């Protein structure tokens, strides 16, 4: 059965493109299955959406804190954990499994990344994802290696910290929460340095790497020197790197002429630009790469916009695009489009990804109401194939047969739905269709 709110809003782009008359025709069709009150609510929400951004019915659950003991670090480590709102914000493993974003400087970056992820998921631009924000006892020590002449009193132990991440934190998260194998690593400043170091020395640990104004100047650009060899000899197929660069240029200086500078104020920018040069020299290693210079952002402000752009880049393959002409064309094969798209997504993610049940159900009902019966039937059947244990998929295809006059088939699928779950609405439909004894 269709969720009226989901169906209404997921169909808005198509309906609006067809004009007001079709919008109201669509609302009249909804009256067949839903009360006047529910339809009025839909229109109230629709009108409100013009004056404000779309809102969830309840505030998002940002996350919670856990303390994880570490034998490697010899202490307990606090992490912030966010589970997708679509999962109810809890640990249930039967509602889906999720890619994970591992976030350095968790207390500083957690809220912004969680908000971005939930927005992108709600917009169909990325999958539902977990976020794990890591707190640091001493970020300069944990996120660097060795000693830099500018900080002679700090000895970096980054290798030990990343050993904790790879051997203790990630296995704990995978064992405790509903995760997949796809992981993203995000860091800012010395966190960005850690991200780049990990890409070079432990490329298999993550799938997508995000360095936000990374402190690649550490130890006189050591990571840049290492990149000269490692980017040449290693393969990065299936890996992505996004680098955000903040503006620290003087007037009249650009990102080309600054490379001639020797001052400390541009050292961070120059180290990043030189690393980018090394990446561009080694395209044969198949690293998916993008960098962006933010003219109007400094070291602090680049985090938010960089996080957003990085995730749009890393998951640029995820968005399903269906054009209005394809929706309106009764001969266009929507099922094949969805199947091919999610095959491509699965290849990129490294595991099987299916279109969501609600997504397909919404499209199927929209096609049914547009009298595009071939499309509608194929989509309902796709949902049954993908979600054979969902009572709702059988109830929905039963609606298709009821709408098209095949009462015997409708009863057959309604009964299958009831074998999986007792749905009052489905029971009522069966009772109405069966002859009175």
Protein backbone atom coordinates (compact mmCIF):
# COMPACT_ATOMS: atom_id res chain seq x y z
CA UNK A 1 0.00 0.00 0.00
CA UNK A 2 1.36 3.49 -0.71
CA UNK A 3 2.49 5.88 1.99
CA UNK A 4 0.52 9.00 0.95
CA UNK A 5 3.12 11.49 2.17
CA UNK A 6 5.98 9.60 0.54
CA UNK A 7 4.01 9.16 -2.68
CA UNK A 8 2.94 12.80 -2.80
CA UNK A 9 6.33 14.37 -2.20
CA UNK A 10 8.32 11.91 -4.28
CA UNK A 11 6.03 12.72 -7.22
CA UNK A 12 6.16 16.50 -6.79
CA UNK A 13 8.95 17.23 -9.31
CA UNK A 14 7.07 15.33 -12.02
CA UNK A 15 3.66 16.74 -11.10
CA UNK A 16 4.87 20.33 -10.93
CA UNK A 17 6.43 19.99 -14.35
CA UNK A 18 3.04 18.89 -15.72
CA UNK A 19 1.19 21.85 -14.25
CA UNK A 20 -1.38 22.65 -11.57
CA UNK A 21 -4.20 20.71 -13.25
CA UNK A 22 -2.27 17.45 -12.93
CA UNK A 23 -1.33 18.22 -9.35
CA UNK A 24 -4.99 18.48 -8.36
CA UNK A 25 -5.91 15.44 -10.47
CA UNK A 26 -3.30 13.48 -8.56
CA UNK A 27 -4.77 14.64 -5.25
CA UNK A 28 -8.23 13.46 -6.35
CA UNK A 29 -6.83 10.01 -7.07
CA UNK A 30 -5.42 9.88 -3.55
CA UNK A 31 -8.95 10.35 -2.19
CA UNK A 32 -9.73 6.83 -3.30
CA UNK A 33 -7.49 5.39 -0.61
CA UNK A 34 -7.05 8.11 2.02
CA UNK A 35 -9.22 10.41 4.07
CA UNK A 36 -9.95 14.05 3.38
CA UNK A 37 -7.99 14.90 6.50
CA UNK A 38 -4.86 13.15 5.22
CA UNK A 39 -5.09 14.82 1.82
CA UNK A 40 -5.59 18.24 3.40
CA UNK A 41 -2.48 17.61 5.42
CA UNK A 42 -0.57 16.78 2.27
CA UNK A 43 -1.55 20.08 0.70
CA UNK A 44 -0.74 21.99 3.86
CA UNK A 45 2.71 20.42 3.87
CA UNK A 46 3.07 21.09 0.16
CA UNK A 47 2.23 24.76 0.55
CA UNK A 48 4.51 25.07 3.55
CA UNK A 49 7.38 23.62 1.54
CA UNK A 50 7.35 26.71 -0.67
CA UNK A 51 8.09 28.94 2.31
CA UNK A 52 10.60 26.73 4.10
CA UNK A 53 12.82 23.78 3.40
CA UNK A 54 11.27 20.33 3.72
CA UNK A 55 11.11 19.26 7.36
CA UNK A 56 10.98 15.83 8.94
CA UNK A 57 8.01 15.14 11.20
CA UNK A 58 10.41 14.78 14.13
CA UNK A 59 13.87 16.23 14.78
CA UNK A 60 16.78 14.08 13.60
CA UNK A 61 18.59 11.96 16.16
CA UNK A 62 22.15 13.29 16.03
CA UNK A 63 23.75 10.47 17.95
CA UNK A 64 25.13 9.14 21.20
CA UNK A 65 28.48 8.59 22.87
CA UNK A 66 30.25 5.31 23.52
CA UNK A 67 33.52 4.57 25.32
CA UNK A 68 35.69 1.89 23.74
CA UNK A 69 38.62 0.31 25.61
CA UNK A 70 41.84 0.18 23.59
CA UNK A 71 44.73 -2.16 24.33
CA UNK A 72 46.77 -0.45 21.62
CA UNK A 73 46.37 3.04 23.08
CA UNK A 74 46.27 1.82 26.64
CA UNK A 75 43.18 3.85 27.50
CA UNK A 76 39.48 4.20 26.85
CA UNK A 77 38.47 6.22 23.83
CA UNK A 78 35.21 8.15 23.40
CA UNK A 79 33.43 8.07 20.06
CA UNK A 80 30.24 9.75 18.88
CA UNK A 81 27.92 7.51 16.87
CA UNK A 82 25.09 8.43 14.53
CA UNK A 83 22.76 5.87 13.01
CA UNK A 84 20.49 6.90 10.13
CA UNK A 85 17.15 8.44 11.04
CA UNK A 86 15.64 6.02 8.52
CA UNK A 87 16.89 3.22 10.78
CA UNK A 88 15.17 4.76 13.78
CA UNK A 89 18.53 5.85 15.17
CA UNK A 90 19.08 2.47 16.80
CA UNK A 91 21.13 -0.70 16.35
CA UNK A 92 18.51 -2.84 14.62
CA UNK A 93 20.18 -4.91 11.94
CA UNK A 94 17.00 -6.03 10.20
CA UNK A 95 16.19 -2.61 8.73
CA UNK A 96 19.31 -2.24 6.59
CA UNK A 97 23.08 -2.08 6.72
CA UNK A 98 24.99 1.12 6.22
CA UNK A 99 28.27 2.57 4.96
CA UNK A 100 30.27 4.31 7.69
CA UNK A 101 31.95 7.72 7.81
CA UNK A 102 34.89 7.84 10.22
CA UNK A 103 35.42 11.40 11.31
CA UNK A 104 38.51 12.81 13.02
CA UNK A 105 38.08 15.62 15.57
CA UNK A 106 34.63 14.18 16.19
CA UNK A 107 33.37 16.70 18.78
CA UNK A 108 34.12 19.60 16.40
CA UNK A 109 32.78 18.10 13.18
CA UNK A 110 30.13 15.56 14.17
CA UNK A 111 27.01 17.75 14.08
CA UNK A 112 27.79 19.28 10.70
CA UNK A 113 28.61 15.97 9.02
CA UNK A 114 25.52 14.25 10.47
CA UNK A 115 23.30 17.08 9.24
CA UNK A 116 24.85 16.97 5.77
CA UNK A 117 24.52 13.19 5.53
CA UNK A 118 20.87 13.22 6.58
CA UNK A 119 20.10 16.01 4.10
CA UNK A 120 21.86 14.21 1.24
CA UNK A 121 20.13 10.93 2.04
CA UNK A 122 16.74 12.65 2.21
CA UNK A 123 17.48 14.17 -1.21
CA UNK A 124 18.45 10.82 -2.74
CA UNK A 125 22.08 11.91 -3.18
CA UNK A 126 23.73 9.33 -0.95
CA UNK A 127 22.74 6.15 0.89
CA UNK A 128 21.74 6.19 4.56
CA UNK A 129 25.03 6.23 6.47
CA UNK A 130 26.48 5.87 9.93
CA UNK A 131 28.86 8.52 11.26
CA UNK A 132 31.54 7.70 13.85
CA UNK A 133 33.23 10.76 15.32
CA UNK A 134 36.52 10.10 17.11
CA UNK A 135 37.60 12.24 20.07
CA UNK A 136 41.32 12.80 20.70
CA UNK A 137 43.35 12.96 23.88
CA UNK A 138 46.07 14.99 22.13
CA UNK A 139 45.20 15.66 18.51
CA UNK A 140 48.63 17.01 17.48
CA UNK A 141 50.33 13.89 18.81
CA UNK A 142 47.75 11.40 17.48
CA UNK A 143 47.31 12.95 14.04
CA UNK A 144 50.99 13.43 13.13
CA UNK A 145 54.09 11.27 12.85
CA UNK A 146 57.57 12.07 14.18
CA UNK A 147 58.74 15.56 15.14
CA UNK A 148 58.35 18.80 13.22
CA UNK A 149 60.84 21.59 13.88
CA UNK A 150 57.98 23.99 14.64
CA UNK A 151 56.77 21.72 17.45
CA UNK A 152 59.89 20.15 19.00
CA UNK A 153 58.03 19.19 22.16
CA UNK A 154 55.48 16.97 20.38
CA UNK A 155 56.33 13.53 19.04
CA UNK A 156 53.67 12.29 16.65
CA UNK A 157 52.28 8.80 17.22
CA UNK A 158 49.97 8.68 14.23
CA UNK A 159 50.91 5.10 13.31
CA UNK A 160 49.77 3.90 16.74
CA UNK A 161 46.54 5.87 16.49
CA UNK A 162 45.73 4.45 13.05
CA UNK A 163 46.52 0.98 14.36
CA UNK A 164 43.77 1.57 16.93
CA UNK A 165 41.39 2.70 14.17
CA UNK A 166 42.13 -0.24 11.88
CA UNK A 167 42.51 -3.06 14.41
CA UNK A 168 40.14 -2.05 17.21
CA UNK A 169 37.68 0.70 16.30
CA UNK A 170 36.53 -0.50 12.88
CA UNK A 171 36.16 -4.16 14.01
CA UNK A 172 34.17 -3.01 17.05
CA UNK A 173 31.83 -0.86 14.93
CA UNK A 174 31.37 -3.67 12.39
CA UNK A 175 30.60 -6.22 15.12
CA UNK A 176 28.20 -3.96 17.03
CA UNK A 177 26.31 -2.02 14.36
CA UNK A 178 24.63 -2.76 10.99
CA UNK A 179 27.53 -1.75 8.73
CA UNK A 180 28.67 -2.49 5.20
CA UNK A 181 32.23 -2.64 3.90
CA UNK A 182 32.14 0.88 2.39
CA UNK A 183 33.99 3.41 4.54
CA UNK A 184 34.77 7.12 4.23
CA UNK A 185 37.55 8.90 6.17
CA UNK A 186 37.32 12.65 6.84
CA UNK A 187 39.87 14.90 8.53
CA UNK A 188 40.61 18.62 8.85
CA UNK A 189 44.03 20.27 9.27
CA UNK A 190 46.31 17.68 10.95
CA UNK A 191 43.32 15.35 10.54
CA UNK A 192 43.62 15.95 6.80
CA UNK A 193 47.29 15.01 7.07
CA UNK A 194 46.25 11.72 8.70
CA UNK A 195 43.74 11.08 5.91
CA UNK A 196 46.40 11.56 3.21
CA UNK A 197 48.95 9.47 5.12
CA UNK A 198 46.38 6.67 5.39
CA UNK A 199 45.60 6.82 1.67
CA UNK A 200 49.31 6.41 0.91
CA UNK A 201 50.17 3.75 3.49
CA UNK A 202 46.88 1.90 4.16
CA UNK A 203 44.77 2.47 1.05
CA UNK A 204 42.61 -0.62 1.65
CA UNK A 205 41.28 0.69 4.98
CA UNK A 206 38.79 3.14 3.41
CA UNK A 207 37.04 3.68 0.10
CA UNK A 208 36.76 7.48 0.10
CA UNK A 209 39.27 9.89 1.62
CA UNK A 210 38.56 13.55 2.44
CA UNK A 211 41.28 16.02 3.41
CA UNK A 212 40.03 19.45 4.46
CA UNK A 213 42.89 21.96 4.30
CA UNK A 214 45.26 19.23 5.43
CA UNK A 215 48.48 20.15 7.24
CA UNK A 216 50.68 18.53 4.61
CA UNK A 217 53.51 20.89 5.56
CA UNK A 218 54.35 18.68 8.57
CA UNK A 219 58.03 17.62 8.68
CA UNK A 220 58.90 19.77 5.66
CA UNK A 221 56.28 18.25 3.36
CA UNK A 222 57.21 14.64 4.17
CA UNK A 223 53.87 13.29 2.90
CA UNK A 224 54.44 15.04 -0.44
CA UNK A 225 57.84 13.40 -0.79
CA UNK A 226 56.37 10.00 0.02
CA UNK A 227 53.61 10.56 -2.52
CA UNK A 228 56.17 10.91 -5.30
CA UNK A 229 56.97 7.22 -4.98
CA UNK A 230 53.76 5.69 -3.64
CA UNK A 231 51.35 7.31 -6.10
CA UNK A 232 53.54 5.99 -8.90
CA UNK A 233 53.73 2.39 -7.69
CA UNK A 234 50.31 1.73 -6.08
CA UNK A 235 46.90 1.10 -7.63
CA UNK A 236 43.85 2.99 -6.30
CA UNK A 237 41.02 1.58 -8.38
CA UNK A 238 37.76 2.05 -6.47
CA UNK A 239 39.32 4.71 -4.20
CA UNK A 240 38.38 8.39 -4.15
CA UNK A 241 40.18 11.42 -2.73
CA UNK A 242 38.74 14.90 -2.26
CA UNK A 243 40.93 17.80 -1.12
CA UNK A 244 39.54 21.15 0.04
CA UNK A 245 41.94 24.12 0.07
CA UNK A 246 41.24 27.32 1.99
CA UNK A 247 42.34 30.74 0.79
CA UNK A 248 45.40 32.12 2.57
CA UNK A 249 46.74 34.19 -0.35
CA UNK A 250 47.84 37.79 -0.24
CA UNK A 251 46.26 40.23 -2.69
CA UNK A 252 47.59 39.80 -6.21
CA UNK A 253 48.83 36.24 -5.58
CA UNK A 254 47.19 33.17 -7.13
CA UNK A 255 47.57 29.42 -6.74
CA UNK A 256 50.28 29.33 -9.40
CA UNK A 257 52.51 32.19 -8.27
CA UNK A 258 52.23 31.19 -4.60
CA UNK A 259 54.37 28.13 -5.33
CA UNK A 260 57.36 30.47 -5.61
CA UNK A 261 56.76 31.77 -2.10
CA UNK A 262 58.85 30.54 0.83
CA UNK A 263 56.93 32.11 3.71
CA UNK A 264 55.37 30.10 6.52
CA UNK A 265 51.89 31.62 6.04
CA UNK A 266 51.45 29.89 2.68
CA UNK A 267 53.26 26.68 3.57
CA UNK A 268 50.05 24.70 4.11
CA UNK A 269 48.60 25.80 0.78
CA UNK A 270 51.84 25.14 -1.08
CA UNK A 271 52.17 21.65 0.38
CA UNK A 272 48.63 20.82 -0.77
CA UNK A 273 49.22 22.25 -4.23
CA UNK A 274 52.39 20.19 -4.61
CA UNK A 275 50.60 17.05 -3.51
CA UNK A 276 47.90 17.78 -6.11
CA UNK A 277 50.62 18.03 -8.75
CA UNK A 278 51.84 14.56 -7.78
CA UNK A 279 48.33 13.13 -8.03
CA UNK A 280 47.87 14.60 -11.50
CA UNK A 281 51.18 13.11 -12.66
CA UNK A 282 50.00 9.61 -11.81
CA UNK A 283 46.59 9.17 -13.41
CA UNK A 284 47.45 5.59 -14.32
CA UNK A 285 46.93 4.56 -10.68
CA UNK A 286 43.13 5.02 -11.20
CA UNK A 287 42.58 7.21 -8.13
CA UNK A 288 39.30 9.09 -8.50
CA UNK A 289 40.38 12.59 -7.54
CA UNK A 290 38.99 16.07 -7.14
CA UNK A 291 40.27 19.18 -5.41
CA UNK A 292 38.70 22.57 -4.89
CA UNK A 293 40.12 25.93 -3.87
CA UNK A 294 37.67 27.96 -1.78
CA UNK A 295 38.42 31.58 -2.49
CA UNK A 296 36.00 32.89 0.14
CA UNK A 297 36.81 30.47 2.98
CA UNK A 298 39.58 30.32 5.55
CA UNK A 299 41.05 27.38 7.45
CA UNK A 300 38.09 27.18 9.85
CA UNK A 301 35.16 27.92 7.56
CA UNK A 302 36.26 25.55 4.78
CA UNK A 303 35.24 22.56 6.89
CA UNK A 304 31.48 22.84 6.38
CA UNK A 305 31.41 23.55 2.66
CA UNK A 306 34.27 21.12 2.10
CA UNK A 307 32.42 18.32 3.89
CA UNK A 308 29.34 18.87 1.73
CA UNK A 309 31.25 19.05 -1.55
CA UNK A 310 33.36 16.03 -0.62
CA UNK A 311 30.35 13.82 0.03
CA UNK A 312 28.64 15.00 -3.16
CA UNK A 313 31.81 14.03 -5.03
CA UNK A 314 32.37 10.71 -3.26
CA UNK A 315 28.76 9.62 -3.86
CA UNK A 316 28.27 11.30 -7.23
CA UNK A 317 27.33 7.90 -8.68
CA UNK A 318 24.44 7.35 -6.27
CA UNK A 319 21.68 9.69 -7.49
CA UNK A 320 18.98 8.09 -9.61
CA UNK A 321 17.98 10.43 -12.43
CA UNK A 322 14.59 9.94 -14.08
CA UNK A 323 13.60 12.59 -16.59
CA UNK A 324 10.05 13.84 -17.03
CA UNK A 325 10.00 12.60 -20.62
CA UNK A 326 10.80 9.09 -19.37
CA UNK A 327 8.00 9.21 -16.81
CA UNK A 328 5.52 10.40 -19.42
CA UNK A 329 6.59 7.93 -22.12
CA UNK A 330 4.47 4.75 -21.65
CA UNK A 331 7.04 2.69 -23.58
CA UNK A 332 10.05 3.72 -21.50
CA UNK A 333 11.38 0.82 -19.38
CA UNK A 334 11.63 2.21 -15.86
CA UNK A 335 12.38 -1.20 -14.40
CA UNK A 336 15.47 -1.61 -16.57
CA UNK A 337 16.61 1.90 -15.67
CA UNK A 338 16.38 1.16 -11.95
CA UNK A 339 17.99 -2.26 -12.31
CA UNK A 340 20.95 -0.92 -14.32
CA UNK A 341 21.43 2.07 -12.01
CA UNK A 342 21.59 -0.04 -8.87
CA UNK A 343 23.87 -2.57 -10.55
CA UNK A 344 26.28 0.32 -11.17
CA UNK A 345 25.86 1.56 -7.59
CA UNK A 346 26.51 -1.95 -6.29
CA UNK A 347 29.72 -2.17 -8.30
CA UNK A 348 30.95 1.13 -6.88
CA UNK A 349 29.95 0.30 -3.31
CA UNK A 350 31.37 -3.22 -3.42
CA UNK A 351 28.19 -5.01 -2.35
CA UNK A 352 24.62 -5.48 -3.57
CA UNK A 353 22.45 -2.34 -3.33
CA UNK A 354 18.75 -2.50 -4.17
CA UNK A 355 16.32 0.35 -4.83
CA UNK A 356 14.35 1.04 -1.67
CA UNK A 357 10.93 -0.53 -1.33
CA UNK A 358 9.28 2.86 -0.81
CA UNK A 359 11.04 4.36 -3.82
CA UNK A 360 9.82 1.66 -6.20
CA UNK A 361 6.37 1.48 -4.62
CA UNK A 362 5.90 5.21 -5.07
CA UNK A 363 6.86 5.06 -8.74
CA UNK A 364 4.64 2.04 -9.32
CA UNK A 365 1.56 3.74 -7.85
CA UNK A 366 2.30 6.93 -9.78
CA UNK A 367 2.43 4.94 -13.02
CA UNK A 368 -0.78 3.10 -12.08
CA UNK A 369 -2.61 6.36 -11.57
CA UNK A 370 -1.21 7.67 -14.85
CA UNK A 371 -2.70 4.55 -16.52
CA UNK A 372 0.77 3.39 -17.58
CA UNK A 373 -0.06 -0.18 -16.63
CA UNK A 374 2.93 -1.92 -18.22
CA UNK A 375 5.35 0.26 -16.25
CA UNK A 376 3.34 -0.05 -13.08
CA UNK A 377 3.14 -3.84 -13.17
CA UNK A 378 6.87 -4.22 -13.87
CA UNK A 379 7.73 -2.00 -10.88
CA UNK A 380 5.38 -3.79 -8.48
CA UNK A 381 6.87 -7.11 -9.62
CA UNK A 382 10.38 -5.75 -9.10
CA UNK A 383 9.50 -4.88 -5.52
CA UNK A 384 8.11 -8.34 -4.86
CA UNK A 385 11.32 -9.88 -6.26
CA UNK A 386 13.56 -7.60 -4.20
CA UNK A 387 11.52 -7.76 -0.98
CA UNK A 388 9.79 -11.18 -0.92
CA UNK A 389 9.35 -11.05 2.87
CA UNK A 390 7.52 -7.71 2.86
CA UNK A 391 3.75 -7.97 3.22
CA UNK A 392 3.43 -4.49 1.76
CA UNK A 393 4.87 -5.50 -1.63
CA UNK A 394 2.17 -8.18 -2.05
CA UNK A 395 -0.56 -5.82 -0.85
CA UNK A 396 0.62 -3.23 -3.38
CA UNK A 397 0.63 -5.55 -6.39
CA UNK A 398 -2.77 -6.72 -5.17
CA UNK A 399 -3.91 -3.10 -5.51
CA UNK A 400 -2.62 -3.14 -9.09
CA UNK A 401 -4.74 -6.17 -10.00
CA UNK A 402 -7.75 -4.75 -8.17
CA UNK A 403 -7.42 -1.48 -10.08
CA UNK A 404 -7.10 -3.31 -13.41
CA UNK A 405 -10.13 -5.56 -12.78
CA UNK A 406 -8.42 -8.88 -12.05
CA UNK A 407 -10.10 -9.71 -8.74
CA UNK A 408 -8.80 -13.27 -8.57
CA UNK A 409 -5.18 -12.11 -8.80
CA UNK A 410 -5.89 -9.31 -6.33
CA UNK A 411 -7.23 -11.79 -3.78
CA UNK A 412 -4.25 -14.10 -4.37
CA UNK A 413 -1.73 -11.36 -3.55
CA UNK A 414 -3.73 -9.90 -0.68
CA UNK A 415 -3.78 -13.37 0.90
CA UNK A 416 0.00 -13.67 0.43
CA UNK A 417 0.40 -10.35 2.21
CA UNK A 418 -1.73 -11.57 5.11
CA UNK A 419 0.40 -14.73 5.40
CA UNK A 420 3.35 -12.46 6.18
CA UNK A 421 1.60 -9.88 8.37
CA UNK A 422 -1.89 -9.07 9.56
CA UNK A 423 -2.69 -5.72 7.94
CA UNK A 424 -6.21 -4.48 8.76
CA UNK A 425 -6.54 -2.61 5.47
CA UNK A 426 -5.54 -5.71 3.50
CA UNK A 427 -7.94 -7.87 5.50
CA UNK A 428 -10.77 -5.46 4.72
CA UNK A 429 -9.99 -5.60 1.01
CA UNK A 430 -10.02 -9.40 1.00
CA UNK A 431 -13.32 -9.52 2.89
CA UNK A 432 -14.87 -7.05 0.47
CA UNK A 433 -13.79 -9.16 -2.53
CA UNK A 434 -14.80 -12.59 -1.25
CA UNK A 435 -18.41 -13.69 -1.78
CA UNK A 436 -20.66 -13.44 1.25
CA UNK A 437 -21.42 -16.88 2.71
